[in-house]
Every structure is written in C-alpha cells, then in structure tokens.
Amino acid sequence: MEVFGIKELKAQIENIKKEDQIDFTIVNAENVAEGMGITQNNFNDLLSLNINVITMGNHTWGKKDIFKFIDHPKLLRPANLPKGVVRKRI
C-alpha cells in the first residue's frame, strides 16, 4: 500500500520543481511510515523521485527497516544521533 503523502509527492513534485525553479530537494520523512519512522519501500519511493536529501528526526528508529539503509548518503540523521548511535525501538 502506498502512503498518501508519498503518492501526492509523486503526483506533484515535478510540477512544483519546474514552476518554482527548484534544483535541490529536501524531504523530511521521519513519520512517513504510519506516523513513525520510515520503511525500505518508503525510502525507495522517495529515492525514485530524484530527491537530494531525506531527513529524519526523533522517530528515526521507529521501524526496523532503517537499519538496512541508515548509512545511505542521501539520508540525513539527526545531529544528536551521530553514526554509531542506535536506539532500541520502544
């Protein structure tokens, strides 16, 4: 099942970029998976949209999938969660 926000982004992102002459795109995705975290499928969907940076926040560890791609160069983890710091899902 496709997330509504990602579906809308897919439908509109190219027009928005063109109309507003945007050449660098940042998307916050920390809550894209059912309100907490991000899944591998969500991440792949966002990457397919030619997004430059995907940011995360306090819900970075909300889904276990994150461990598969946490070190991807387009994924920006919160500054207070540097590389090597892992939180357990509560």
C-alpha atoms as a PDB file:
ATOM      1  CA  MET A   1       0.000   0.000   0.000  1.00  0.00           C
ATOM      2  CA  GLU A   2       1.355   3.394  -0.978  1.00  0.00           C
ATOM      3  CA  VAL A   3       1.497   6.125   1.646  1.00  0.00           C
ATOM      4  CA  PHE A   4      -0.808   9.067   0.836  1.00  0.00           C
ATOM      5  CA  GLY A   5       1.925  11.679   1.337  1.00  0.00           C
ATOM      6  CA  ILE A   6       4.321   9.880  -0.983  1.00  0.00           C
ATOM      7  CA  LYS A   7       1.560   9.374  -3.542  1.00  0.00           C
ATOM      8  CA  GLU A   8       0.820  13.125  -3.508  1.00  0.00           C
ATOM      9  CA  LEU A   9       4.509  13.952  -3.706  1.00  0.00           C
ATOM     10  CA  LYS A  10       4.892  11.680  -6.744  1.00  0.00           C
ATOM     11  CA  ALA A  11       1.951  13.411  -8.412  1.00  0.00           C
ATOM     12  CA  GLN A  12       3.143  16.951  -7.773  1.00  0.00           C
ATOM     13  CA  ILE A  13       6.899  17.144  -7.258  1.00  0.00           C
ATOM     14  CA  GLU A  14       7.970  17.616 -10.871  1.00  0.00           C
ATOM     15  CA  ASN A  15       5.458  20.419 -11.468  1.00  0.00           C
ATOM     16  CA  ILE A  16       6.446  22.141  -8.225  1.00  0.00           C
ATOM     17  CA  LYS A  17      10.143  21.912  -9.097  1.00  0.00           C
ATOM     18  CA  LYS A  18       9.518  23.295 -12.575  1.00  0.00           C
ATOM     19  CA  GLU A  19       7.142  26.099 -11.569  1.00  0.00           C
ATOM     20  CA  ASP A  20       9.306  27.301  -8.670  1.00  0.00           C
ATOM     21  CA  GLN A  21      12.638  26.576 -10.399  1.00  0.00           C
ATOM     22  CA  ILE A  22      13.763  24.274  -7.582  1.00  0.00           C
ATOM     23  CA  ASP A  23      17.021  22.467  -8.215  1.00  0.00           C
ATOM     24  CA  PHE A  24      17.687  20.933  -4.774  1.00  0.00           C
ATOM     25  CA  THR A  25      15.014  19.000  -2.903  1.00  0.00           C
ATOM     26  CA  ILE A  26      14.926  18.103   0.796  1.00  0.00           C
ATOM     27  CA  VAL A  27      12.175  15.869   2.172  1.00  0.00           C
ATOM     28  CA  ASN A  28      11.527  15.149   5.849  1.00  0.00           C
ATOM     29  CA  ALA A  29      10.490  11.516   6.119  1.00  0.00           C
ATOM     30  CA  GLU A  30      10.721  10.675   9.815  1.00  0.00           C
ATOM     31  CA  ASN A  31       6.997   9.927  10.093  1.00  0.00           C
ATOM     32  CA  VAL A  32       6.198   8.615   6.624  1.00  0.00           C
ATOM     33  CA  ALA A  33       5.560   5.032   7.815  1.00  0.00           C
ATOM     34  CA  GLU A  34       2.250   5.040   9.660  1.00  0.00           C
ATOM     35  CA  GLY A  35       3.196   8.140  11.624  1.00  0.00           C
ATOM     36  CA  MET A  36       6.554   6.909  12.913  1.00  0.00           C
ATOM     37  CA  GLY A  37       9.771   6.091  11.097  1.00  0.00           C
ATOM     38  CA  ILE A  38      10.382   5.024   7.504  1.00  0.00           C
ATOM     39  CA  THR A  39      10.385   1.663   5.728  1.00  0.00           C
ATOM     40  CA  GLN A  40      12.595   0.376   2.938  1.00  0.00           C
ATOM     41  CA  ASN A  41       9.696   0.750   0.477  1.00  0.00           C
ATOM     42  CA  ASN A  42       9.072   4.353   1.565  1.00  0.00           C
ATOM     43  CA  PHE A  43      12.758   5.134   1.205  1.00  0.00           C
ATOM     44  CA  ASN A  44      12.929   3.565  -2.262  1.00  0.00           C
ATOM     45  CA  ASP A  45       9.839   5.501  -3.350  1.00  0.00           C
ATOM     46  CA  LEU A  46      11.435   8.766  -2.248  1.00  0.00           C
ATOM     47  CA  LEU A  47      14.744   7.961  -3.941  1.00  0.00           C
ATOM     48  CA  SER A  48      12.880   7.295  -7.190  1.00  0.00           C
ATOM     49  CA  LEU A  49      11.710  10.939  -7.144  1.00  0.00           C
ATOM     50  CA  ASN A  50      15.254  12.280  -7.530  1.00  0.00           C
ATOM     51  CA  ILE A  51      15.227  13.857  -4.083  1.00  0.00           C
ATOM     52  CA  ASN A  52      18.607  15.192  -2.975  1.00  0.00           C
ATOM     53  CA  VAL A  53      18.318  14.738   0.798  1.00  0.00           C
ATOM     54  CA  ILE A  54      15.936  12.793   3.017  1.00  0.00           C
ATOM     55  CA  THR A  55      15.934  13.991   6.621  1.00  0.00           C
ATOM     56  CA  MET A  56      14.961  12.098   9.734  1.00  0.00           C
ATOM     57  CA  GLY A  57      14.219  13.162  13.299  1.00  0.00           C
ATOM     58  CA  ASN A  58      13.329  11.757  16.686  1.00  0.00           C
ATOM     59  CA  HIS A  59      11.396   8.896  15.074  1.00  0.00           C
ATOM     60  CA  THR A  60      14.384   7.698  13.029  1.00  0.00           C
ATOM     61  CA  TRP A  61      14.375   4.292  14.721  1.00  0.00           C
ATOM     62  CA  GLY A  62      10.566   3.834  14.537  1.00  0.00           C
ATOM     63  CA  LYS A  63      10.804   0.967  12.022  1.00  0.00           C
ATOM     64  CA  LYS A  64      13.399  -1.778  11.969  1.00  0.00           C
ATOM     65  CA  ASP A  65      13.878  -1.320   8.191  1.00  0.00           C
ATOM     66  CA  ILE A  66      16.001   1.765   8.920  1.00  0.00           C
ATOM     67  CA  PHE A  67      18.982  -0.460   9.754  1.00  0.00           C
ATOM     68  CA  LYS A  68      19.088  -1.580   6.096  1.00  0.00           C
ATOM     69  CA  PHE A  69      19.764   1.934   4.773  1.00  0.00           C
ATOM     70  CA  ILE A  70      20.704   4.209   7.690  1.00  0.00           C
ATOM     71  CA  ASP A  71      24.134   4.899   6.168  1.00  0.00           C
ATOM     72  CA  HIS A  72      22.810   5.828   2.712  1.00  0.00           C
ATOM     73  CA  PRO A  73      24.476   9.082   1.587  1.00  0.00           C
ATOM     74  CA  LYS A  74      21.126  10.779   0.883  1.00  0.00           C
ATOM     75  CA  LEU A  75      19.755  10.068   4.358  1.00  0.00           C
ATOM     76  CA  LEU A  76      20.456  12.741   6.957  1.00  0.00           C
ATOM     77  CA  ARG A  77      20.135  11.509  10.523  1.00  0.00           C
ATOM     78  CA  PRO A  78      19.543  13.931  13.402  1.00  0.00           C
ATOM     79  CA  ALA A  79      22.666  15.700  14.682  1.00  0.00           C
ATOM     80  CA  ASN A  80      22.127  14.284  18.155  1.00  0.00           C
ATOM     81  CA  LEU A  81      22.149  10.740  16.708  1.00  0.00           C
ATOM     82  CA  PRO A  82      25.608  10.509  15.114  1.00  0.00           C
ATOM     83  CA  LYS A  83      26.911   7.463  13.279  1.00  0.00           C
ATOM     84  CA  GLY A  84      27.249   4.504  15.605  1.00  0.00           C
ATOM     85  CA  VAL A  85      24.453   5.603  17.951  1.00  0.00           C
ATOM     86  CA  VAL A  86      21.496   3.241  17.858  1.00  0.00           C
ATOM     87  CA  ARG A  87      18.290   3.425  19.832  1.00  0.00           C
ATOM     88  CA  LYS A  88      16.100   0.459  20.547  1.00  0.00           C
ATOM     89  CA  ARG A  89      12.526   0.618  19.373  1.00  0.00           C
ATOM     90  CA  ILE A  90      10.218   1.119  22.333  1.00  0.00           C
END
